[in-house]
């Protein structure tokens, strides 16, 4: 049997009601309208979520390392992935220089 979804009806205020609501809001010192400067400074919440974007974007790859290599880097503690990246960068820098 199909479900019947009841939707509430949205009733917009009349012009008089809207004026009364606006007047009440304007008389409240804690609920003043935003200034144009404040409105311009607003950003969507979606833009604020997550980590800041990095200048040096990294690629997500799947790699298999020997257990000894992974165990060594994990034994160095927190940030072992960054340490592994640093070691690999140094290796690339040493081996990619022209003689």
PDB file of N, CA and C in Angstrom:
ATOM      1  N   UNK A   1       0.836  -1.168   0.000  1.00  0.00           N
ATOM      2  CA  UNK A   1       0.000   0.000   0.000  1.00  0.00           C
ATOM      3  C   UNK A   1       0.894   1.247   0.000  1.00  0.00           C
ATOM      4  N   UNK A   2       0.660   2.190  -0.900  1.00  0.00           N
ATOM      5  CA  UNK A   2       1.504   3.389  -0.956  1.00  0.00           C
ATOM      6  C   UNK A   2       1.274   4.284   0.251  1.00  0.00           C
ATOM      7  N   UNK A   3       2.368   4.881   0.693  1.00  0.00           N
ATOM      8  CA  UNK A   3       2.279   5.814   1.826  1.00  0.00           C
ATOM      9  C   UNK A   3       1.863   7.186   1.326  1.00  0.00           C
ATOM     10  N   UNK A   4       1.010   7.810   2.043  1.00  0.00           N
ATOM     11  CA  UNK A   4       0.577   9.149   1.705  1.00  0.00           C
ATOM     12  C   UNK A   4       1.390  10.118   2.557  1.00  0.00           C
ATOM     13  N   UNK A   5       2.091  11.016   1.893  1.00  0.00           N
ATOM     14  CA  UNK A   5       2.906  11.983   2.603  1.00  0.00           C
ATOM     15  C   UNK A   5       2.137  13.284   2.704  1.00  0.00           C
ATOM     16  N   UNK A   6       1.917  13.722   3.933  1.00  0.00           N
ATOM     17  CA  UNK A   6       1.200  14.983   4.136  1.00  0.00           C
ATOM     18  C   UNK A   6       2.231  16.101   4.225  1.00  0.00           C
ATOM     19  N   UNK A   7       2.049  17.085   3.414  1.00  0.00           N
ATOM     20  CA  UNK A   7       2.930  18.239   3.438  1.00  0.00           C
ATOM     21  C   UNK A   7       2.198  19.413   4.054  1.00  0.00           C
ATOM     22  N   UNK A   8       2.907  20.116   4.916  1.00  0.00           N
ATOM     23  CA  UNK A   8       2.261  21.276   5.519  1.00  0.00           C
ATOM     24  C   UNK A   8       2.192  22.402   4.489  1.00  0.00           C
ATOM     25  N   UNK A   9       1.175  23.180   4.602  1.00  0.00           N
ATOM     26  CA  UNK A   9       0.971  24.287   3.674  1.00  0.00           C
ATOM     27  C   UNK A   9       1.694  25.502   4.238  1.00  0.00           C
ATOM     28  N   UNK A  10       2.494  26.123   3.416  1.00  0.00           N
ATOM     29  CA  UNK A  10       3.217  27.318   3.824  1.00  0.00           C
ATOM     30  C   UNK A  10       2.330  28.518   3.544  1.00  0.00           C
ATOM     31  N   UNK A  11       2.054  29.266   4.593  1.00  0.00           N
ATOM     32  CA  UNK A  11       1.214  30.450   4.448  1.00  0.00           C
ATOM     33  C   UNK A  11       2.087  31.680   4.629  1.00  0.00           C
ATOM     34  N   UNK A  12       2.209  32.480   3.594  1.00  0.00           N
ATOM     35  CA  UNK A  12       3.014  33.692   3.663  1.00  0.00           C
ATOM     36  C   UNK A  12       2.258  34.767   4.424  1.00  0.00           C
ATOM     37  N   UNK A  13       2.990  35.593   5.192  1.00  0.00           N
ATOM     38  CA  UNK A  13       2.306  36.645   5.939  1.00  0.00           C
ATOM     39  C   UNK A  13       1.754  37.716   4.998  1.00  0.00           C
ATOM     40  N   UNK A  14       0.704  38.359   5.456  1.00  0.00           N
ATOM     41  CA  UNK A  14       0.148  39.471   4.677  1.00  0.00           C
ATOM     42  C   UNK A  14       1.110  40.647   4.781  1.00  0.00           C
ATOM     43  N   UNK A  15       0.885  41.673   4.005  1.00  0.00           N
ATOM     44  CA  UNK A  15       1.746  42.859   4.028  1.00  0.00           C
ATOM     45  C   UNK A  15       1.752  43.481   5.418  1.00  0.00           C
ATOM     46  N   UNK A  16       0.580  43.558   6.056  1.00  0.00           N
ATOM     47  CA  UNK A  16       0.490  44.135   7.401  1.00  0.00           C
ATOM     48  C   UNK A  16       1.258  43.278   8.409  1.00  0.00           C
ATOM     49  N   UNK A  17       1.080  41.958   8.325  1.00  0.00           N
ATOM     50  CA  UNK A  17       1.797  41.051   9.234  1.00  0.00           C
ATOM     51  C   UNK A  17       3.308  41.163   9.022  1.00  0.00           C
ATOM     52  N   UNK A  18       3.719  41.249   7.772  1.00  0.00           N
ATOM     53  CA  UNK A  18       5.147  41.364   7.464  1.00  0.00           C
ATOM     54  C   UNK A  18       5.726  42.654   8.044  1.00  0.00           C
ATOM     55  N   UNK A  19       4.975  43.758   7.941  1.00  0.00           N
ATOM     56  CA  UNK A  19       5.425  45.031   8.504  1.00  0.00           C
ATOM     57  C   UNK A  19       5.534  44.939  10.027  1.00  0.00           C
ATOM     58  N   UNK A  20       4.561  44.275  10.659  1.00  0.00           N
ATOM     59  CA  UNK A  20       4.581  44.119  12.119  1.00  0.00           C
ATOM     60  C   UNK A  20       5.770  43.259  12.556  1.00  0.00           C
ATOM     61  N   UNK A  21       6.036  42.201  11.821  1.00  0.00           N
ATOM     62  CA  UNK A  21       7.171  41.326  12.131  1.00  0.00           C
ATOM     63  C   UNK A  21       8.486  42.093  11.978  1.00  0.00           C
ATOM     64  N   UNK A  22       8.619  42.839  10.885  1.00  0.00           N
ATOM     65  CA  UNK A  22       9.832  43.626  10.635  1.00  0.00           C
ATOM     66  C   UNK A  22      10.019  44.683  11.721  1.00  0.00           C
ATOM     67  N   UNK A  23       8.945  45.371  12.105  1.00  0.00           N
ATOM     68  CA  UNK A  23       9.031  46.398  13.149  1.00  0.00           C
ATOM     69  C   UNK A  23       9.452  45.790  14.478  1.00  0.00           C
ATOM     70  N   UNK A  24       8.912  44.618  14.811  1.00  0.00           N
ATOM     71  CA  UNK A  24       9.273  43.955  16.062  1.00  0.00           C
ATOM     72  C   UNK A  24      10.744  43.538  16.044  1.00  0.00           C
ATOM     73  N   UNK A  25      11.200  43.048  14.920  1.00  0.00           N
ATOM     74  CA  UNK A  25      12.601  42.632  14.807  1.00  0.00           C
ATOM     75  C   UNK A  25      13.535  43.837  14.899  1.00  0.00           C
ATOM     76  N   UNK A  26      13.150  44.945  14.284  1.00  0.00           N
ATOM     77  CA  UNK A  26      13.995  46.141  14.299  1.00  0.00           C
ATOM     78  C   UNK A  26      14.074  46.760  15.697  1.00  0.00           C
ATOM     79  N   UNK A  27      13.033  46.568  16.524  1.00  0.00           N
ATOM     80  CA  UNK A  27      13.038  47.144  17.868  1.00  0.00           C
ATOM     81  C   UNK A  27      13.863  46.315  18.846  1.00  0.00           C
ATOM     82  N   UNK A  28      14.249  45.103  18.460  1.00  0.00           N
ATOM     83  CA  UNK A  28      15.049  44.236  19.331  1.00  0.00           C
ATOM     84  C   UNK A  28      16.526  44.551  19.121  1.00  0.00           C
ATOM     85  N   UNK A  29      17.219  45.076  20.157  1.00  0.00           N
ATOM     86  CA  UNK A  29      18.631  45.442  19.980  1.00  0.00           C
ATOM     87  C   UNK A  29      19.547  44.239  19.747  1.00  0.00           C
ATOM     88  N   UNK A  30      19.099  43.054  20.137  1.00  0.00           N
ATOM     89  CA  UNK A  30      19.923  41.853  19.948  1.00  0.00           C
ATOM     90  C   UNK A  30      19.695  41.188  18.601  1.00  0.00           C
ATOM     91  N   UNK A  31      18.771  41.705  17.824  1.00  0.00           N
ATOM     92  CA  UNK A  31      18.458  41.072  16.539  1.00  0.00           C
ATOM     93  C   UNK A  31      18.442  42.103  15.421  1.00  0.00           C
ATOM     94  N   UNK A  32      19.473  42.905  15.344  1.00  0.00           N
ATOM     95  CA  UNK A  32      19.545  43.924  14.304  1.00  0.00           C
ATOM     96  C   UNK A  32      19.935  43.287  12.972  1.00  0.00           C
ATOM     97  N   UNK A  33      19.460  43.866  11.869  1.00  0.00           N
ATOM     98  CA  UNK A  33      19.818  43.302  10.560  1.00  0.00           C
ATOM     99  C   UNK A  33      21.321  43.432  10.307  1.00  0.00           C
ATOM    100  N   UNK A  34      21.828  42.548   9.502  1.00  0.00           N
ATOM    101  CA  UNK A  34      23.249  42.591   9.159  1.00  0.00           C
ATOM    102  C   UNK A  34      23.533  43.779   8.255  1.00  0.00           C
ATOM    103  N   UNK A  35      24.714  44.345   8.435  1.00  0.00           N
ATOM    104  CA  UNK A  35      25.127  45.459   7.578  1.00  0.00           C
ATOM    105  C   UNK A  35      25.578  44.904   6.231  1.00  0.00           C
ATOM    106  N   UNK A  36      25.623  45.734   5.193  1.00  0.00           N
ATOM    107  CA  UNK A  36      26.121  45.244   3.898  1.00  0.00           C
ATOM    108  C   UNK A  36      27.533  44.657   4.002  1.00  0.00           C
ATOM    109  N   UNK A  37      28.367  45.248   4.862  1.00  0.00           N
ATOM    110  CA  UNK A  37      29.734  44.735   5.040  1.00  0.00           C
ATOM    111  C   UNK A  37      29.703  43.326   5.646  1.00  0.00           C
ATOM    112  N   UNK A  38      28.827  43.106   6.642  1.00  0.00           N
ATOM    113  CA  UNK A  38      28.700  41.786   7.256  1.00  0.00           C
ATOM    114  C   UNK A  38      28.159  40.769   6.252  1.00  0.00           C
ATOM    115  N   UNK A  39      27.187  41.167   5.459  1.00  0.00           N
ATOM    116  CA  UNK A  39      26.631  40.260   4.448  1.00  0.00           C
ATOM    117  C   UNK A  39      27.680  39.864   3.421  1.00  0.00           C
ATOM    118  N   UNK A  40      28.521  40.828   3.022  1.00  0.00           N
ATOM    119  CA  UNK A  40      29.553  40.546   2.024  1.00  0.00           C
ATOM    120  C   UNK A  40      30.613  39.587   2.570  1.00  0.00           C
ATOM    121  N   UNK A  41      30.873  39.655   3.891  1.00  0.00           N
ATOM    122  CA  UNK A  41      31.896  38.812   4.514  1.00  0.00           C
ATOM    123  C   UNK A  41      31.424  37.379   4.743  1.00  0.00           C
ATOM    124  N   UNK A  42      30.131  37.141   4.590  1.00  0.00           N
ATOM    125  CA  UNK A  42      29.597  35.802   4.831  1.00  0.00           C
ATOM    126  C   UNK A  42      30.006  34.845   3.710  1.00  0.00           C
ATOM    127  N   UNK A  43      30.305  33.605   4.110  1.00  0.00           N
ATOM    128  CA  UNK A  43      30.632  32.557   3.143  1.00  0.00           C
ATOM    129  C   UNK A  43      29.764  31.340   3.438  1.00  0.00           C
ATOM    130  N   UNK A  44      29.451  30.559   2.437  1.00  0.00           N
ATOM    131  CA  UNK A  44      28.644  29.361   2.678  1.00  0.00           C
ATOM    132  C   UNK A  44      29.352  28.407   3.637  1.00  0.00           C
ATOM    133  N   UNK A  45      28.581  27.728   4.470  1.00  0.00           N
ATOM    134  CA  UNK A  45      29.149  26.774   5.426  1.00  0.00           C
ATOM    135  C   UNK A  45      29.965  25.699   4.720  1.00  0.00           C
ATOM    136  N   UNK A  46      29.556  25.327   3.537  1.00  0.00           N
ATOM    137  CA  UNK A  46      30.257  24.290   2.795  1.00  0.00           C
ATOM    138  C   UNK A  46      31.717  24.691   2.554  1.00  0.00           C
ATOM    139  N   UNK A  47      31.956  25.996   2.378  1.00  0.00           N
ATOM    140  CA  UNK A  47      33.310  26.478   2.119  1.00  0.00           C
ATOM    141  C   UNK A  47      34.177  26.410   3.371  1.00  0.00           C
ATOM    142  N   UNK A  48      33.567  26.348   4.548  1.00  0.00           N
ATOM    143  CA  UNK A  48      34.330  26.343   5.793  1.00  0.00           C
ATOM    144  C   UNK A  48      34.620  24.940   6.304  1.00  0.00           C
ATOM    145  N   UNK A  49      34.002  23.946   5.713  1.00  0.00           N
ATOM    146  CA  UNK A  49      34.151  22.590   6.218  1.00  0.00           C
ATOM    147  C   UNK A  49      35.457  21.961   5.761  1.00  0.00           C
ATOM    148  N   UNK A  50      35.970  21.075   6.573  1.00  0.00           N
ATOM    149  CA  UNK A  50      37.156  20.314   6.216  1.00  0.00           C
ATOM    150  C   UNK A  50      38.449  21.074   6.425  1.00  0.00           C
ATOM    151  N   UNK A  51      39.523  20.465   5.994  1.00  0.00           N
ATOM    152  CA  UNK A  51      40.846  21.063   6.148  1.00  0.00           C
ATOM    153  C   UNK A  51      41.057  22.169   5.126  1.00  0.00           C
ATOM    154  N   UNK A  52      41.937  23.115   5.466  1.00  0.00           N
ATOM    155  CA  UNK A  52      42.268  24.140   4.465  1.00  0.00           C
ATOM    156  C   UNK A  52      42.936  23.490   3.252  1.00  0.00           C
ATOM    157  N   UNK A  53      42.713  24.053   2.088  1.00  0.00           N
ATOM    158  CA  UNK A  53      43.314  23.515   0.870  1.00  0.00           C
ATOM    159  C   UNK A  53      44.816  23.759   0.895  1.00  0.00           C
ATOM    160  N   UNK A  54      45.586  22.754   0.555  1.00  0.00           N
ATOM    161  CA  UNK A  54      47.038  22.829   0.574  1.00  0.00           C
ATOM    162  C   UNK A  54      47.571  23.353  -0.751  1.00  0.00           C
ATOM    163  N   UNK A  55      48.667  24.075  -0.674  1.00  0.00           N
ATOM    164  CA  UNK A  55      49.353  24.521  -1.889  1.00  0.00           C
ATOM    165  C   UNK A  55      49.959  23.315  -2.611  1.00  0.00           C
ATOM    166  N   UNK A  56      50.437  22.339  -1.829  1.00  0.00           N
ATOM    167  CA  UNK A  56      51.079  21.144  -2.388  1.00  0.00           C
ATOM    168  C   UNK A  56      50.103  19.979  -2.287  1.00  0.00           C
ATOM    169  N   UNK A  57      49.252  19.868  -3.288  1.00  0.00           N
ATOM    170  CA  UNK A  57      48.279  18.785  -3.268  1.00  0.00           C
ATOM    171  C   UNK A  57      48.995  17.450  -3.403  1.00  0.00           C
ATOM    172  N   UNK A  58      48.489  16.470  -2.679  1.00  0.00           N
ATOM    173  CA  UNK A  58      49.067  15.133  -2.737  1.00  0.00           C
ATOM    174  C   UNK A  58      48.096  14.203  -3.437  1.00  0.00           C
ATOM    175  N   UNK A  59      48.627  13.159  -4.003  1.00  0.00           N
ATOM    176  CA  UNK A  59      47.826  12.179  -4.725  1.00  0.00           C
ATOM    177  C   UNK A  59      47.540  10.987  -3.827  1.00  0.00           C
ATOM    178  N   UNK A  60      46.338  10.483  -3.917  1.00  0.00           N
ATOM    179  CA  UNK A  60      45.975   9.279  -3.196  1.00  0.00           C
ATOM    180  C   UNK A  60      46.298   8.089  -4.096  1.00  0.00           C
ATOM    181  N   UNK A  61      47.199   7.225  -3.633  1.00  0.00           N
ATOM    182  CA  UNK A  61      47.581   6.043  -4.401  1.00  0.00           C
ATOM    183  C   UNK A  61      47.569   4.827  -3.484  1.00  0.00           C
ATOM    184  N   UNK A  62      47.515   3.682  -4.078  1.00  0.00           N
ATOM    185  CA  UNK A  62      47.588   2.439  -3.326  1.00  0.00           C
ATOM    186  C   UNK A  62      48.938   1.803  -3.639  1.00  0.00           C
ATOM    187  N   UNK A  63      49.744   1.601  -2.601  1.00  0.00           N
ATOM    188  CA  UNK A  63      51.090   1.065  -2.778  1.00  0.00           C
ATOM    189  C   UNK A  63      51.295  -0.072  -1.778  1.00  0.00           C
ATOM    190  N   UNK A  64      52.071  -1.044  -2.156  1.00  0.00           N
ATOM    191  CA  UNK A  64      52.399  -2.145  -1.240  1.00  0.00           C
ATOM    192  C   UNK A  64      53.870  -2.047  -0.854  1.00  0.00           C
ATOM    193  N   UNK A  65      54.126  -1.990   0.445  1.00  0.00           N
ATOM    194  CA  UNK A  65      55.491  -1.950   0.970  1.00  0.00           C
ATOM    195  C   UNK A  65      55.747  -3.226   1.756  1.00  0.00           C
ATOM    196  N   UNK A  66      57.006  -3.552   1.925  1.00  0.00           N
ATOM    197  CA  UNK A  66      57.333  -4.734   2.720  1.00  0.00           C
ATOM    198  C   UNK A  66      56.983  -4.454   4.182  1.00  0.00           C
ATOM    199  N   UNK A  67      56.632  -5.490   4.917  1.00  0.00           N
ATOM    200  CA  UNK A  67      56.240  -5.306   6.323  1.00  0.00           C
ATOM    201  C   UNK A  67      57.327  -4.621   7.157  1.00  0.00           C
ATOM    202  N   UNK A  68      58.601  -4.880   6.835  1.00  0.00           N
ATOM    203  CA  UNK A  68      59.692  -4.276   7.606  1.00  0.00           C
ATOM    204  C   UNK A  68      59.708  -2.757   7.435  1.00  0.00           C
ATOM    205  N   UNK A  69      59.467  -2.299   6.209  1.00  0.00           N
ATOM    206  CA  UNK A  69      59.476  -0.859   5.930  1.00  0.00           C
ATOM    207  C   UNK A  69      58.332  -0.186   6.685  1.00  0.00           C
ATOM    208  N   UNK A  70      57.142  -0.742   6.594  1.00  0.00           N
ATOM    209  CA  UNK A  70      55.991  -0.165   7.270  1.00  0.00           C
ATOM    210  C   UNK A  70      56.186  -0.196   8.785  1.00  0.00           C
ATOM    211  N   UNK A  71      56.694  -1.306   9.300  1.00  0.00           N
ATOM    212  CA  UNK A  71      56.927  -1.425  10.749  1.00  0.00           C
ATOM    213  C   UNK A  71      57.919  -0.377  11.226  1.00  0.00           C
ATOM    214  N   UNK A  72      58.981  -0.146  10.438  1.00  0.00           N
ATOM    215  CA  UNK A  72      59.972   0.858  10.831  1.00  0.00           C
ATOM    216  C   UNK A  72      59.342   2.243  10.924  1.00  0.00           C
ATOM    217  N   UNK A  73      58.641   2.648   9.866  1.00  0.00           N
ATOM    218  CA  UNK A  73      58.064   3.995   9.864  1.00  0.00           C
ATOM    219  C   UNK A  73      56.984   4.146  10.932  1.00  0.00           C
ATOM    220  N   UNK A  74      56.178   3.107  11.146  1.00  0.00           N
ATOM    221  CA  UNK A  74      55.163   3.175  12.196  1.00  0.00           C
ATOM    222  C   UNK A  74      55.805   3.293  13.571  1.00  0.00           C
ATOM    223  N   UNK A  75      56.967   2.679  13.736  1.00  0.00           N
ATOM    224  CA  UNK A  75      57.653   2.724  15.039  1.00  0.00           C
ATOM    225  C   UNK A  75      58.170   4.120  15.367  1.00  0.00           C
ATOM    226  N   UNK A  76      58.247   5.005  14.370  1.00  0.00           N
ATOM    227  CA  UNK A  76      58.715   6.369  14.633  1.00  0.00           C
ATOM    228  C   UNK A  76      57.626   7.213  15.284  1.00  0.00           C
ATOM    229  N   UNK A  77      56.406   6.696  15.341  1.00  0.00           N
ATOM    230  CA  UNK A  77      55.329   7.388  16.033  1.00  0.00           C
ATOM    231  C   UNK A  77      54.399   8.129  15.104  1.00  0.00           C
ATOM    232  N   UNK A  78      53.656   9.048  15.721  1.00  0.00           N
ATOM    233  CA  UNK A  78      52.658   9.806  14.967  1.00  0.00           C
ATOM    234  C   UNK A  78      53.327  10.605  13.846  1.00  0.00           C
ATOM    235  N   UNK A  79      52.668  10.667  12.707  1.00  0.00           N
ATOM    236  CA  UNK A  79      53.212  11.391  11.566  1.00  0.00           C
ATOM    237  C   UNK A  79      54.140  10.537  10.720  1.00  0.00           C
ATOM    238  N   UNK A  80      54.049   9.225  10.879  1.00  0.00           N
ATOM    239  CA  UNK A  80      54.967   8.352  10.140  1.00  0.00           C
ATOM    240  C   UNK A  80      54.741   8.419   8.638  1.00  0.00           C
ATOM    241  N   UNK A  81      53.497   8.688   8.211  1.00  0.00           N
ATOM    242  CA  UNK A  81      53.243   8.801   6.776  1.00  0.00           C
ATOM    243  C   UNK A  81      53.948  10.026   6.202  1.00  0.00           C
ATOM    244  N   UNK A  82      53.931  11.130   6.944  1.00  0.00           N
ATOM    245  CA  UNK A  82      54.620  12.344   6.495  1.00  0.00           C
ATOM    246  C   UNK A  82      56.123  12.125   6.465  1.00  0.00           C
ATOM    247  N   UNK A  83      56.636  11.373   7.449  1.00  0.00           N
ATOM    248  CA  UNK A  83      58.067  11.057   7.465  1.00  0.00           C
ATOM    249  C   UNK A  83      58.435  10.217   6.250  1.00  0.00           C
ATOM    250  N   UNK A  84      57.604   9.256   5.923  1.00  0.00           N
ATOM    251  CA  UNK A  84      57.853   8.410   4.753  1.00  0.00           C
ATOM    252  C   UNK A  84      57.851   9.265   3.486  1.00  0.00           C
ATOM    253  N   UNK A  85      56.922  10.200   3.382  1.00  0.00           N
ATOM    254  CA  UNK A  85      56.865  11.115   2.234  1.00  0.00           C
ATOM    255  C   UNK A  85      58.141  11.946   2.162  1.00  0.00           C
ATOM    256  N   UNK A  86      58.600  12.425   3.303  1.00  0.00           N
ATOM    257  CA  UNK A  86      59.816  13.246   3.357  1.00  0.00           C
ATOM    258  C   UNK A  86      61.038  12.454   2.885  1.00  0.00           C
ATOM    259  N   UNK A  87      61.156  11.224   3.346  1.00  0.00           N
ATOM    260  CA  UNK A  87      62.281  10.370   2.949  1.00  0.00           C
ATOM    261  C   UNK A  87      62.248  10.111   1.444  1.00  0.00           C
ATOM    262  N   UNK A  88      61.066   9.833   0.915  1.00  0.00           N
ATOM    263  CA  UNK A  88      60.944   9.579  -0.520  1.00  0.00           C
ATOM    264  C   UNK A  88      61.242  10.837  -1.342  1.00  0.00           C
ATOM    265  N   UNK A  89      60.834  12.006  -0.851  1.00  0.00           N
ATOM    266  CA  UNK A  89      61.144  13.261  -1.547  1.00  0.00           C
ATOM    267  C   UNK A  89      62.655  13.489  -1.610  1.00  0.00           C
ATOM    268  N   UNK A  90      63.330  13.249  -0.496  1.00  0.00           N
ATOM    269  CA  UNK A  90      64.788  13.428  -0.471  1.00  0.00           C
ATOM    270  C   UNK A  90      65.458  12.469  -1.455  1.00  0.00           C
ATOM    271  N   UNK A  91      64.963  11.248  -1.498  1.00  0.00           N
ATOM    272  CA  UNK A  91      65.513  10.260  -2.434  1.00  0.00           C
ATOM    273  C   UNK A  91      65.341  10.750  -3.876  1.00  0.00           C
ATOM    274  N   UNK A  92      64.156  11.245  -4.201  1.00  0.00           N
ATOM    275  CA  UNK A  92      63.874  11.728  -5.550  1.00  0.00           C
ATOM    276  C   UNK A  92      64.788  12.924  -5.873  1.00  0.00           C
ATOM    277  N   UNK A  93      64.953  13.839  -4.916  1.00  0.00           N
ATOM    278  CA  UNK A  93      65.780  15.012  -5.139  1.00  0.00           C
ATOM    279  C   UNK A  93      67.243  14.610  -5.406  1.00  0.00           C
ATOM    280  N   UNK A  94      67.746  13.648  -4.651  1.00  0.00           N
ATOM    281  CA  UNK A  94      69.138  13.196  -4.841  1.00  0.00           C
ATOM    282  C   UNK A  94      69.346  12.494  -6.168  1.00  0.00           C
ATOM    283  N   UNK A  95      68.355  11.714  -6.590  1.00  0.00           N
ATOM    284  CA  UNK A  95      68.526  10.891  -7.780  1.00  0.00           C
ATOM    285  C   UNK A  95      68.025  11.528  -9.082  1.00  0.00           C
ATOM    286  N   UNK A  96      67.401  12.684  -9.001  1.00  0.00           N
ATOM    287  CA  UNK A  96      66.913  13.298 -10.226  1.00  0.00           C
ATOM    288  C   UNK A  96      67.782  14.469 -10.688  1.00  0.00           C
ATOM    289  N   UNK A  97      68.849  14.760  -9.976  1.00  0.00           N
ATOM    290  CA  UNK A  97      69.743  15.845 -10.372  1.00  0.00           C
ATOM    291  C   UNK A  97      70.594  15.407 -11.545  1.00  0.00           C
ATOM    292  N   UNK A  98      70.777  16.335 -12.467  1.00  0.00           N
ATOM    293  CA  UNK A  98      71.635  16.042 -13.622  1.00  0.00           C
ATOM    294  C   UNK A  98      73.089  16.094 -13.182  1.00  0.00           C
ATOM    295  N   UNK A  99      73.959  15.179 -13.674  1.00  0.00           N
ATOM    296  CA  UNK A  99      75.369  15.144 -13.247  1.00  0.00           C
ATOM    297  C   UNK A  99      76.174  16.344 -13.718  1.00  0.00           C
TER     298      UNK A  99
END
